[in-house]
Each structure stands twice: as structure tokens, then as C-alpha cells.
Protein backbone atom coordinates (compact mmCIF):
# COMPACT_ATOMS: atom_id res chain seq x y z
CA MET A 1 -8.97 23.84 10.42
CA LYS A 2 -9.31 21.19 7.69
CA MET A 3 -6.01 19.84 6.36
CA ARG A 4 -4.91 17.14 3.94
CA ALA A 5 -1.50 15.65 3.24
CA GLU A 6 -0.44 13.03 0.72
CA VAL A 7 2.75 10.99 0.99
CA VAL A 8 3.89 9.06 -2.09
CA CYS A 9 6.84 6.65 -1.96
CA VAL A 10 8.13 4.77 -5.01
CA TYR A 11 9.89 1.42 -4.60
CA GLY A 12 11.99 -0.79 -6.85
CA ASP A 13 9.30 -3.41 -7.35
CA GLU A 14 5.66 -4.13 -6.57
CA ARG A 15 6.49 -6.77 -3.97
CA MET A 16 8.29 -4.21 -1.83
CA SER A 17 5.57 -1.58 -2.23
CA LYS A 18 2.90 -4.12 -1.30
CA THR A 19 4.82 -5.13 1.82
CA VAL A 20 5.38 -1.53 2.95
CA ALA A 21 1.72 -0.62 2.31
CA ALA A 22 0.58 -3.58 4.42
CA ALA A 23 3.02 -2.68 7.19
CA VAL A 24 1.84 0.91 7.53
CA SER A 25 -1.87 0.34 7.06
CA PRO A 26 -3.60 0.94 10.38
CA ASP A 27 -4.65 -2.18 12.26
CA ASN A 28 -6.37 -0.12 14.93
CA LEU A 29 -9.27 1.60 13.20
CA GLN A 30 -10.21 3.58 16.31
CA VAL A 31 -8.54 6.86 15.36
CA PRO A 32 -9.29 10.21 16.96
CA GLU A 33 -12.37 12.03 15.72
CA GLY A 34 -11.62 14.19 12.70
CA LEU A 35 -8.66 12.07 11.54
CA VAL A 36 -8.78 9.85 8.45
CA ILE A 37 -5.76 7.88 7.22
CA SER A 38 -5.72 5.70 4.12
CA THR A 39 -2.83 3.87 2.49
CA VAL A 40 -2.95 2.06 -0.85
CA GLN A 41 -0.44 0.35 -3.06
CA LYS A 42 -0.51 1.34 -6.75
CA GLY A 43 2.08 -0.61 -8.66
CA ARG A 44 5.48 0.39 -7.30
CA ARG A 45 3.99 3.31 -5.36
CA VAL A 46 2.60 3.53 -1.85
CA VAL A 47 0.18 6.42 -1.44
CA SER A 48 -0.92 7.54 2.02
CA VAL A 49 -3.50 10.28 2.50
CA VAL A 50 -4.04 11.91 5.87
CA LYS A 51 -7.09 14.13 6.38
CA LEU A 52 -7.55 16.00 9.60
CA GLU A 53 -9.90 18.51 11.05
CA GLY A 54 -7.93 19.85 13.97
CA ARG A 55 -4.54 21.28 14.84
CA ALA A 56 -1.55 21.48 12.51
CA GLU A 57 0.60 19.93 15.24
CA THR A 58 -1.56 16.81 15.17
CA LEU A 59 -1.15 16.51 11.40
CA LEU A 60 2.63 16.89 11.66
CA ALA A 61 2.86 14.30 14.45
CA THR A 62 0.74 11.86 12.40
CA LEU A 63 2.94 12.35 9.33
CA ASP A 64 6.05 11.87 11.46
CA ASP A 65 4.66 8.57 12.79
CA LEU A 66 3.71 7.43 9.28
CA LEU A 67 7.15 8.17 7.85
CA ALA A 68 8.87 6.49 10.81
CA CYS A 69 6.80 3.35 10.21
CA MET A 70 7.67 3.42 6.49
CA LEU A 71 11.38 3.74 7.26
CA THR A 72 11.19 0.86 9.74
CA SER A 73 9.42 -1.42 7.28
CA GLU A 74 11.89 -0.48 4.52
CA SER A 75 14.88 -1.26 6.76
CA MET A 76 13.41 -4.69 7.59
CA LEU A 77 13.23 -5.56 3.90
């Protein structure tokens, strides 16, 4: 099954959104086959798109990991 999810977070200023986007951008580009993750900073927003051809459980686990990383980076700022 092909699935797509988009997570958009809005921050108080561009400096914070840039820092969060950098923190959650993957540094290991060897992701499982059928999974594509992209994160960009657009002004005060951080937009992450997850595309997956596979199981819904995998998409949910990936989104959970992404949100956990965002919360961690936010708490460090």
C-alpha cells in the first residue's frame, strides 16, 4: 500500500525552525526500500513528508520517531 503523511510544525522564529529542521533531517540516508523522508524549513515552519510503500505500522512508527526527535530538539532549545 502506498501512503503519504505530512507533518507541519510552526515555531516562534526562523532561527528555531531552522535548528529543528537540521536536527531532524536524516544523517543516515540508507533508509529501508520504499521509504522516503524529507524535511525542509520554510520560514517559521518545518515541513516533513514521509512517503512509504509498505505497512501502515511502519508509517506510524516512522512518524512516532520523527515527532519524538522534534520534541527532543525543541526541549533542547
